[in-house]
Amino acid sequence: KGRFTIFRDNPKNTVYLQMNSLKPEDTAVYYCA
C-alpha cells in the first residue's frame, strides 16, 4: 500500500501493476490472474 498501483485498460484487455519505491523484499515471480 502506498507503493504499488493496479489499474486496467479495458479496450486493450490489459491490467497493469505500477511498482514504485521497490524494496529487496519485493523480489519474486509475479503472476497475473
PDB file of all heavy atoms in Angstrom:
ATOM      1  N   LYS A   1       0.824  -1.203   0.000  1.00  0.00           N
ATOM      2  CA  LYS A   1       0.000   0.000   0.000  1.00  0.00           C
ATOM      3  C   LYS A   1       0.862   1.257   0.000  1.00  0.00           C
ATOM      4  O   LYS A   1       1.827   1.364   0.747  1.00  0.00           O
ATOM      5  CB  LYS A   1      -0.927   0.017   1.214  1.00  0.00           C
ATOM      6  CG  LYS A   1      -2.114  -0.915   1.107  1.00  0.00           C
ATOM      7  CD  LYS A   1      -3.034  -0.771   2.309  1.00  0.00           C
ATOM      8  CE  LYS A   1      -4.254  -1.662   2.169  1.00  0.00           C
ATOM      9  NZ  LYS A   1      -5.145  -1.554   3.356  1.00  0.00           N
ATOM     10  N   GLY A   2       0.502   2.196  -0.857  1.00  0.00           N
ATOM     11  CA  GLY A   2       1.252   3.427  -0.973  1.00  0.00           C
ATOM     12  C   GLY A   2       2.419   3.342  -1.924  1.00  0.00           C
ATOM     13  O   GLY A   2       3.000   4.383  -2.275  1.00  0.00           O
ATOM     14  N   ARG A   3       2.781   2.135  -2.356  1.00  0.00           N
ATOM     15  CA  ARG A   3       3.909   1.954  -3.268  1.00  0.00           C
ATOM     16  C   ARG A   3       3.482   1.396  -4.625  1.00  0.00           C
ATOM     17  O   ARG A   3       4.030   1.791  -5.649  1.00  0.00           O
ATOM     18  CB  ARG A   3       4.956   1.030  -2.652  1.00  0.00           C
ATOM     19  CG  ARG A   3       5.544   1.546  -1.344  1.00  0.00           C
ATOM     20  CD  ARG A   3       6.724   0.702  -0.897  1.00  0.00           C
ATOM     21  NE  ARG A   3       6.343  -0.688  -0.648  1.00  0.00           N
ATOM     22  CZ  ARG A   3       6.870  -1.731  -1.285  1.00  0.00           C
ATOM     23  NH1 ARG A   3       7.804  -1.549  -2.206  1.00  0.00           N
ATOM     24  NH2 ARG A   3       6.479  -2.962  -0.982  1.00  0.00           N
ATOM     25  N   PHE A   4       2.526   0.479  -4.627  1.00  0.00           N
ATOM     26  CA  PHE A   4       2.068  -0.164  -5.856  1.00  0.00           C
ATOM     27  C   PHE A   4       0.691   0.367  -6.239  1.00  0.00           C
ATOM     28  O   PHE A   4      -0.128   0.699  -5.376  1.00  0.00           O
ATOM     29  CB  PHE A   4       1.967  -1.678  -5.686  1.00  0.00           C
ATOM     30  CG  PHE A   4       3.284  -2.392  -5.522  1.00  0.00           C
ATOM     31  CD1 PHE A   4       4.472  -1.706  -5.362  1.00  0.00           C
ATOM     32  CD2 PHE A   4       3.318  -3.780  -5.529  1.00  0.00           C
ATOM     33  CE1 PHE A   4       5.680  -2.367  -5.206  1.00  0.00           C
ATOM     34  CE2 PHE A   4       4.510  -4.456  -5.377  1.00  0.00           C
ATOM     35  CZ  PHE A   4       5.691  -3.753  -5.213  1.00  0.00           C
ATOM     36  N   THR A   5       0.427   0.422  -7.534  1.00  0.00           N
ATOM     37  CA  THR A   5      -0.874   0.809  -8.050  1.00  0.00           C
ATOM     38  C   THR A   5      -1.302  -0.168  -9.131  1.00  0.00           C
ATOM     39  O   THR A   5      -0.544  -0.435 -10.066  1.00  0.00           O
ATOM     40  CB  THR A   5      -0.856   2.231  -8.630  1.00  0.00           C
ATOM     41  OG1 THR A   5      -0.424   3.164  -7.639  1.00  0.00           O
ATOM     42  CG2 THR A   5      -2.250   2.625  -9.107  1.00  0.00           C
ATOM     43  N   ILE A   6      -2.510  -0.705  -9.012  1.00  0.00           N
ATOM     44  CA  ILE A   6      -3.056  -1.578 -10.034  1.00  0.00           C
ATOM     45  C   ILE A   6      -4.134  -0.810 -10.797  1.00  0.00           C
ATOM     46  O   ILE A   6      -4.936  -0.093 -10.204  1.00  0.00           O
ATOM     47  CB  ILE A   6      -3.626  -2.880  -9.433  1.00  0.00           C
ATOM     48  CG1 ILE A   6      -4.066  -3.842 -10.543  1.00  0.00           C
ATOM     49  CG2 ILE A   6      -4.767  -2.597  -8.472  1.00  0.00           C
ATOM     50  CD1 ILE A   6      -4.440  -5.232 -10.031  1.00  0.00           C
ATOM     51  N   PHE A   7      -4.130  -0.929 -12.104  1.00  0.00           N
ATOM     52  CA  PHE A   7      -5.156  -0.287 -12.913  1.00  0.00           C
ATOM     53  C   PHE A   7      -5.337  -1.064 -14.205  1.00  0.00           C
ATOM     54  O   PHE A   7      -4.465  -1.830 -14.617  1.00  0.00           O
ATOM     55  CB  PHE A   7      -4.825   1.183 -13.196  1.00  0.00           C
ATOM     56  CG  PHE A   7      -3.519   1.431 -13.892  1.00  0.00           C
ATOM     57  CD1 PHE A   7      -3.467   1.637 -15.257  1.00  0.00           C
ATOM     58  CD2 PHE A   7      -2.332   1.472 -13.174  1.00  0.00           C
ATOM     59  CE1 PHE A   7      -2.269   1.882 -15.904  1.00  0.00           C
ATOM     60  CE2 PHE A   7      -1.120   1.713 -13.807  1.00  0.00           C
ATOM     61  CZ  PHE A   7      -1.093   1.916 -15.174  1.00  0.00           C
ATOM     62  N   ARG A   8      -6.494  -0.862 -14.830  1.00  0.00           N
ATOM     63  CA  ARG A   8      -6.796  -1.617 -16.035  1.00  0.00           C
ATOM     64  C   ARG A   8      -7.118  -0.696 -17.203  1.00  0.00           C
ATOM     65  O   ARG A   8      -7.549   0.441 -17.026  1.00  0.00           O
ATOM     66  CB  ARG A   8      -7.953  -2.600 -15.797  1.00  0.00           C
ATOM     67  CG  ARG A   8      -9.365  -2.030 -15.977  1.00  0.00           C
ATOM     68  CD  ARG A   8      -9.789  -1.144 -14.842  1.00  0.00           C
ATOM     69  NE  ARG A   8     -11.230  -0.915 -14.864  1.00  0.00           N
ATOM     70  CZ  ARG A   8     -11.799   0.279 -14.769  1.00  0.00           C
ATOM     71  NH1 ARG A   8     -11.042   1.368 -14.596  1.00  0.00           N
ATOM     72  NH2 ARG A   8     -13.120   0.391 -14.792  1.00  0.00           N
ATOM     73  N   ASP A   9      -6.893  -1.204 -18.412  1.00  0.00           N
ATOM     74  CA  ASP A   9      -7.248  -0.535 -19.654  1.00  0.00           C
ATOM     75  C   ASP A   9      -8.107  -1.531 -20.420  1.00  0.00           C
ATOM     76  O   ASP A   9      -7.592  -2.379 -21.149  1.00  0.00           O
ATOM     77  CB  ASP A   9      -5.996  -0.151 -20.440  1.00  0.00           C
ATOM     78  CG  ASP A   9      -6.313   0.684 -21.671  1.00  0.00           C
ATOM     79  OD1 ASP A   9      -7.458   0.642 -22.155  1.00  0.00           O
ATOM     80  OD2 ASP A   9      -5.408   1.383 -22.153  1.00  0.00           O
ATOM     81  N   ASN A  10      -9.407  -1.445 -20.235  1.00  0.00           N
ATOM     82  CA  ASN A  10     -10.304  -2.448 -20.802  1.00  0.00           C
ATOM     83  C   ASN A  10     -10.278  -2.534 -22.330  1.00  0.00           C
ATOM     84  O   ASN A  10     -10.333  -3.637 -22.877  1.00  0.00           O
ATOM     85  CB  ASN A  10     -11.732  -2.223 -20.312  1.00  0.00           C
ATOM     86  CG  ASN A  10     -11.916  -2.614 -18.864  1.00  0.00           C
ATOM     87  OD1 ASN A  10     -11.101  -3.351 -18.297  1.00  0.00           O
ATOM     88  ND2 ASN A  10     -12.987  -2.135 -18.246  1.00  0.00           N
ATOM     89  N   PRO A  11     -10.219  -1.407 -23.065  1.00  0.00           N
ATOM     90  CA  PRO A  11     -10.142  -1.531 -24.526  1.00  0.00           C
ATOM     91  C   PRO A  11      -8.931  -2.317 -24.997  1.00  0.00           C
ATOM     92  O   PRO A  11      -8.974  -2.927 -26.069  1.00  0.00           O
ATOM     93  CB  PRO A  11     -10.082  -0.071 -24.996  1.00  0.00           C
ATOM     94  CG  PRO A  11     -10.793   0.686 -23.931  1.00  0.00           C
ATOM     95  CD  PRO A  11     -10.397  -0.007 -22.657  1.00  0.00           C
ATOM     96  N   LYS A  12      -7.850  -2.308 -24.215  1.00  0.00           N
ATOM     97  CA  LYS A  12      -6.654  -3.061 -24.561  1.00  0.00           C
ATOM     98  C   LYS A  12      -6.608  -4.424 -23.883  1.00  0.00           C
ATOM     99  O   LYS A  12      -5.643  -5.164 -24.068  1.00  0.00           O
ATOM    100  CB  LYS A  12      -5.404  -2.266 -24.192  1.00  0.00           C
ATOM    101  CG  LYS A  12      -5.222  -0.978 -24.979  1.00  0.00           C
ATOM    102  CD  LYS A  12      -3.919  -0.289 -24.587  1.00  0.00           C
ATOM    103  CE  LYS A  12      -3.708   0.977 -25.396  1.00  0.00           C
ATOM    104  NZ  LYS A  12      -2.446   1.667 -25.022  1.00  0.00           N
ATOM    105  N   ASN A  13      -7.639  -4.735 -23.092  1.00  0.00           N
ATOM    106  CA  ASN A  13      -7.701  -6.001 -22.354  1.00  0.00           C
ATOM    107  C   ASN A  13      -6.442  -6.216 -21.520  1.00  0.00           C
ATOM    108  O   ASN A  13      -5.893  -7.319 -21.460  1.00  0.00           O
ATOM    109  CB  ASN A  13      -7.907  -7.174 -23.313  1.00  0.00           C
ATOM    110  CG  ASN A  13      -9.221  -7.092 -24.054  1.00  0.00           C
ATOM    111  OD1 ASN A  13     -10.230  -6.669 -23.496  1.00  0.00           O
ATOM    112  ND2 ASN A  13      -9.227  -7.504 -25.314  1.00  0.00           N
ATOM    113  N   THR A  14      -6.015  -5.155 -20.856  1.00  0.00           N
ATOM    114  CA  THR A  14      -4.748  -5.176 -20.146  1.00  0.00           C
ATOM    115  C   THR A  14      -4.908  -4.644 -18.724  1.00  0.00           C
ATOM    116  O   THR A  14      -5.643  -3.684 -18.491  1.00  0.00           O
ATOM    117  CB  THR A  14      -3.693  -4.338 -20.885  1.00  0.00           C
ATOM    118  OG1 THR A  14      -3.523  -4.850 -22.215  1.00  0.00           O
ATOM    119  CG2 THR A  14      -2.354  -4.394 -20.166  1.00  0.00           C
ATOM    120  N   VAL A  15      -4.216  -5.271 -17.792  1.00  0.00           N
ATOM    121  CA  VAL A  15      -4.125  -4.778 -16.427  1.00  0.00           C
ATOM    122  C   VAL A  15      -2.655  -4.526 -16.118  1.00  0.00           C
ATOM    123  O   VAL A  15      -1.777  -5.275 -16.575  1.00  0.00           O
ATOM    124  CB  VAL A  15      -4.750  -5.768 -15.416  1.00  0.00           C
ATOM    125  CG1 VAL A  15      -4.001  -7.098 -15.418  1.00  0.00           C
ATOM    126  CG2 VAL A  15      -4.775  -5.166 -14.024  1.00  0.00           C
ATOM    127  N   TYR A  16      -2.384  -3.475 -15.367  1.00  0.00           N
ATOM    128  CA  TYR A  16      -1.026  -3.075 -15.059  1.00  0.00           C
ATOM    129  C   TYR A  16      -0.793  -3.085 -13.558  1.00  0.00           C
ATOM    130  O   TYR A  16      -1.710  -2.921 -12.757  1.00  0.00           O
ATOM    131  CB  TYR A  16      -0.739  -1.662 -15.575  1.00  0.00           C
ATOM    132  CG  TYR A  16      -0.957  -1.482 -17.054  1.00  0.00           C
ATOM    133  CD1 TYR A  16      -2.188  -1.064 -17.550  1.00  0.00           C
ATOM    134  CD2 TYR A  16       0.076  -1.712 -17.961  1.00  0.00           C
ATOM    135  CE1 TYR A  16      -2.386  -0.887 -18.910  1.00  0.00           C
ATOM    136  CE2 TYR A  16      -0.118  -1.537 -19.320  1.00  0.00           C
ATOM    137  CZ  TYR A  16      -1.348  -1.123 -19.790  1.00  0.00           C
ATOM    138  OH  TYR A  16      -1.538  -0.944 -21.141  1.00  0.00           O
ATOM    139  N   LEU A  17       0.460  -3.251 -13.189  1.00  0.00           N
ATOM    140  CA  LEU A  17       0.889  -3.075 -11.812  1.00  0.00           C
ATOM    141  C   LEU A  17       2.074  -2.127 -11.819  1.00  0.00           C
ATOM    142  O   LEU A  17       3.168  -2.504 -12.244  1.00  0.00           O
ATOM    143  CB  LEU A  17       1.279  -4.405 -11.163  1.00  0.00           C
ATOM    144  CG  LEU A  17       1.669  -4.326  -9.685  1.00  0.00           C
ATOM    145  CD1 LEU A  17       0.454  -3.952  -8.832  1.00  0.00           C
ATOM    146  CD2 LEU A  17       2.262  -5.645  -9.208  1.00  0.00           C
ATOM    147  N   GLN A  18       1.841  -0.888 -11.390  1.00  0.00           N
ATOM    148  CA  GLN A  18       2.907   0.096 -11.273  1.00  0.00           C
ATOM    149  C   GLN A  18       3.564  -0.071  -9.913  1.00  0.00           C
ATOM    150  O   GLN A  18       2.905   0.063  -8.881  1.00  0.00           O
ATOM    151  CB  GLN A  18       2.353   1.513 -11.426  1.00  0.00           C
ATOM    152  CG  GLN A  18       3.402   2.609 -11.290  1.00  0.00           C
ATOM    153  CD  GLN A  18       4.424   2.569 -12.388  1.00  0.00           C
ATOM    154  OE1 GLN A  18       4.071   2.444 -13.562  1.00  0.00           O
ATOM    155  NE2 GLN A  18       5.697   2.668 -12.037  1.00  0.00           N
ATOM    156  N   MET A  19       4.845  -0.361  -9.912  1.00  0.00           N
ATOM    157  CA  MET A  19       5.578  -0.665  -8.698  1.00  0.00           C
ATOM    158  C   MET A  19       6.624   0.423  -8.463  1.00  0.00           C
ATOM    159  O   MET A  19       7.575   0.546  -9.233  1.00  0.00           O
ATOM    160  CB  MET A  19       6.248  -2.032  -8.801  1.00  0.00           C
ATOM    161  CG  MET A  19       5.294  -3.137  -9.243  1.00  0.00           C
ATOM    162  SD  MET A  19       6.147  -4.635  -9.824  1.00  0.00           S
ATOM    163  CE  MET A  19       6.923  -5.190  -8.324  1.00  0.00           C
ATOM    164  N   ASN A  20       6.446   1.203  -7.403  1.00  0.00           N
ATOM    165  CA  ASN A  20       7.365   2.272  -7.050  1.00  0.00           C
ATOM    166  C   ASN A  20       8.015   1.977  -5.703  1.00  0.00           C
ATOM    167  O   ASN A  20       7.529   1.167  -4.924  1.00  0.00           O
ATOM    168  CB  ASN A  20       6.639   3.614  -6.990  1.00  0.00           C
ATOM    169  CG  ASN A  20       6.025   4.025  -8.303  1.00  0.00           C
ATOM    170  OD1 ASN A  20       6.578   3.747  -9.370  1.00  0.00           O
ATOM    171  ND2 ASN A  20       4.889   4.704  -8.247  1.00  0.00           N
ATOM    172  N   SER A  21       9.110   2.670  -5.434  1.00  0.00           N
ATOM    173  CA  SER A  21       9.829   2.518  -4.167  1.00  0.00           C
ATOM    174  C   SER A  21      10.093   1.056  -3.857  1.00  0.00           C
ATOM    175  O   SER A  21       9.854   0.579  -2.746  1.00  0.00           O
ATOM    176  CB  SER A  21       9.042   3.182  -3.030  1.00  0.00           C
ATOM    177  OG  SER A  21       8.835   4.552  -3.283  1.00  0.00           O
ATOM    178  N   LEU A  22      10.601   0.344  -4.831  1.00  0.00           N
ATOM    179  CA  LEU A  22      10.806  -1.093  -4.689  1.00  0.00           C
ATOM    180  C   LEU A  22      11.849  -1.409  -3.627  1.00  0.00           C
ATOM    181  O   LEU A  22      12.836  -0.689  -3.456  1.00  0.00           O
ATOM    182  CB  LEU A  22      11.215  -1.699  -6.026  1.00  0.00           C
ATOM    183  CG  LEU A  22      10.063  -1.868  -7.026  1.00  0.00           C
ATOM    184  CD1 LEU A  22      10.599  -2.080  -8.431  1.00  0.00           C
ATOM    185  CD2 LEU A  22       9.176  -3.036  -6.609  1.00  0.00           C
ATOM    186  N   LYS A  23      11.607  -2.501  -2.922  1.00  0.00           N
ATOM    187  CA  LYS A  23      12.477  -2.979  -1.862  1.00  0.00           C
ATOM    188  C   LYS A  23      12.998  -4.368  -2.215  1.00  0.00           C
ATOM    189  O   LYS A  23      12.366  -5.088  -2.982  1.00  0.00           O
ATOM    190  CB  LYS A  23      11.717  -3.049  -0.533  1.00  0.00           C
ATOM    191  CG  LYS A  23      11.063  -1.749  -0.108  1.00  0.00           C
ATOM    192  CD  LYS A  23      10.233  -1.947   1.153  1.00  0.00           C
ATOM    193  CE  LYS A  23       9.554  -0.667   1.580  1.00  0.00           C
ATOM    194  NZ  LYS A  23       8.733  -0.866   2.804  1.00  0.00           N
ATOM    195  N   PRO A  24      14.134  -4.767  -1.653  1.00  0.00           N
ATOM    196  CA  PRO A  24      14.635  -6.120  -1.922  1.00  0.00           C
ATOM    197  C   PRO A  24      13.615  -7.210  -1.602  1.00  0.00           C
ATOM    198  O   PRO A  24      13.579  -8.230  -2.296  1.00  0.00           O
ATOM    199  CB  PRO A  24      15.868  -6.224  -1.025  1.00  0.00           C
ATOM    200  CG  PRO A  24      16.355  -4.818  -0.921  1.00  0.00           C
ATOM    201  CD  PRO A  24      15.105  -3.977  -0.874  1.00  0.00           C
ATOM    202  N   GLU A  25      12.787  -7.002  -0.595  1.00  0.00           N
ATOM    203  CA  GLU A  25      11.791  -7.996  -0.234  1.00  0.00           C
ATOM    204  C   GLU A  25      10.659  -8.106  -1.248  1.00  0.00           C
ATOM    205  O   GLU A  25       9.811  -8.996  -1.140  1.00  0.00           O
ATOM    206  CB  GLU A  25      11.211  -7.723   1.163  1.00  0.00           C
ATOM    207  CG  GLU A  25      10.750  -6.294   1.365  1.00  0.00           C
ATOM    208  CD  GLU A  25      11.794  -5.440   2.073  1.00  0.00           C
ATOM    209  OE1 GLU A  25      12.979  -5.542   1.705  1.00  0.00           O
ATOM    210  OE2 GLU A  25      11.415  -4.684   2.990  1.00  0.00           O
ATOM    211  N   ASP A  26      10.631  -7.215  -2.237  1.00  0.00           N
ATOM    212  CA  ASP A  26       9.666  -7.327  -3.327  1.00  0.00           C
ATOM    213  C   ASP A  26      10.120  -8.318  -4.392  1.00  0.00           C
ATOM    214  O   ASP A  26       9.354  -8.624  -5.315  1.00  0.00           O
ATOM    215  CB  ASP A  26       9.428  -5.966  -3.985  1.00  0.00           C
ATOM    216  CG  ASP A  26       8.755  -4.974  -3.055  1.00  0.00           C
ATOM    217  OD1 ASP A  26       7.826  -5.364  -2.322  1.00  0.00           O
ATOM    218  OD2 ASP A  26       9.148  -3.787  -3.076  1.00  0.00           O
ATOM    219  N   THR A  27      11.340  -8.801  -4.291  1.00  0.00           N
ATOM    220  CA  THR A  27      11.866  -9.755  -5.258  1.00  0.00           C
ATOM    221  C   THR A  27      11.024 -11.027  -5.260  1.00  0.00           C
ATOM    222  O   THR A  27      10.831 -11.658  -4.221  1.00  0.00           O
ATOM    223  CB  THR A  27      13.324 -10.095  -4.945  1.00  0.00           C
ATOM    224  OG1 THR A  27      14.127  -8.923  -5.099  1.00  0.00           O
ATOM    225  CG2 THR A  27      13.847 -11.173  -5.891  1.00  0.00           C
ATOM    226  N   ALA A  28      10.519 -11.393  -6.429  1.00  0.00           N
ATOM    227  CA  ALA A  28       9.647 -12.559  -6.549  1.00  0.00           C
ATOM    228  C   ALA A  28       9.263 -12.752  -8.008  1.00  0.00           C
ATOM    229  O   ALA A  28       9.518 -11.883  -8.847  1.00  0.00           O
ATOM    230  CB  ALA A  28       8.386 -12.390  -5.699  1.00  0.00           C
ATOM    231  N   VAL A  29       8.641 -13.882  -8.291  1.00  0.00           N
ATOM    232  CA  VAL A  29       7.967 -14.067  -9.558  1.00  0.00           C
ATOM    233  C   VAL A  29       6.554 -13.524  -9.399  1.00  0.00           C
ATOM    234  O   VAL A  29       5.836 -13.921  -8.480  1.00  0.00           O
ATOM    235  CB  VAL A  29       7.932 -15.545  -9.985  1.00  0.00           C
ATOM    236  CG1 VAL A  29       7.141 -15.707 -11.280  1.00  0.00           C
ATOM    237  CG2 VAL A  29       9.343 -16.085 -10.160  1.00  0.00           C
ATOM    238  N   TYR A  30       6.169 -12.631 -10.274  1.00  0.00           N
ATOM    239  CA  TYR A  30       4.854 -12.009 -10.209  1.00  0.00           C
ATOM    240  C   TYR A  30       3.928 -12.645 -11.230  1.00  0.00           C
ATOM    241  O   TYR A  30       4.284 -12.798 -12.400  1.00  0.00           O
ATOM    242  CB  TYR A  30       4.961 -10.502 -10.452  1.00  0.00           C
ATOM    243  CG  TYR A  30       5.479  -9.750  -9.257  1.00  0.00           C
ATOM    244  CD1 TYR A  30       6.810  -9.873  -8.857  1.00  0.00           C
ATOM    245  CD2 TYR A  30       4.640  -8.930  -8.499  1.00  0.00           C
ATOM    246  CE1 TYR A  30       7.288  -9.208  -7.746  1.00  0.00           C
ATOM    247  CE2 TYR A  30       5.112  -8.256  -7.389  1.00  0.00           C
ATOM    248  CZ  TYR A  30       6.444  -8.399  -7.016  1.00  0.00           C
ATOM    249  OH  TYR A  30       6.910  -7.727  -5.910  1.00  0.00           O
ATOM    250  N   TYR A  31       2.723 -13.009 -10.778  1.00  0.00           N
ATOM    251  CA  TYR A  31       1.748 -13.684 -11.610  1.00  0.00           C
ATOM    252  C   TYR A  31       0.486 -12.845 -11.764  1.00  0.00           C
ATOM    253  O   TYR A  31      -0.012 -12.279 -10.787  1.00  0.00           O
ATOM    254  CB  TYR A  31       1.350 -15.036 -11.006  1.00  0.00           C
ATOM    255  CG  TYR A  31       2.477 -16.030 -10.899  1.00  0.00           C
ATOM    256  CD1 TYR A  31       3.278 -16.092  -9.766  1.00  0.00           C
ATOM    257  CD2 TYR A  31       2.735 -16.927 -11.935  1.00  0.00           C
ATOM    258  CE1 TYR A  31       4.310 -17.006  -9.663  1.00  0.00           C
ATOM    259  CE2 TYR A  31       3.756 -17.845 -11.843  1.00  0.00           C
ATOM    260  CZ  TYR A  31       4.544 -17.884 -10.706  1.00  0.00           C
ATOM    261  OH  TYR A  31       5.565 -18.806 -10.605  1.00  0.00           O
ATOM    262  N   CYS A  32      -0.022 -12.790 -12.961  1.00  0.00           N
ATOM    263  CA  CYS A  32      -1.308 -12.188 -13.240  1.00  0.00           C
ATOM    264  C   CYS A  32      -2.381 -13.264 -13.156  1.00  0.00           C
ATOM    265  O   CYS A  32      -2.149 -14.409 -13.543  1.00  0.00           O
ATOM    266  CB  CYS A  32      -1.296 -11.552 -14.632  1.00  0.00           C
ATOM    267  SG  CYS A  32      -2.858 -10.831 -15.162  1.00  0.00           S
ATOM    268  N   ALA A  33      -3.562 -12.915 -12.639  1.00  0.00           N
ATOM    269  CA  ALA A  33      -4.644 -13.874 -12.500  1.00  0.00           C
ATOM    270  C   ALA A  33      -5.980 -13.218 -12.817  1.00  0.00           C
ATOM    271  O   ALA A  33      -6.149 -12.012 -12.644  1.00  0.00           O
ATOM    272  CB  ALA A  33      -4.669 -14.450 -11.084  1.00  0.00           C
TER     273      ALA A  33
END
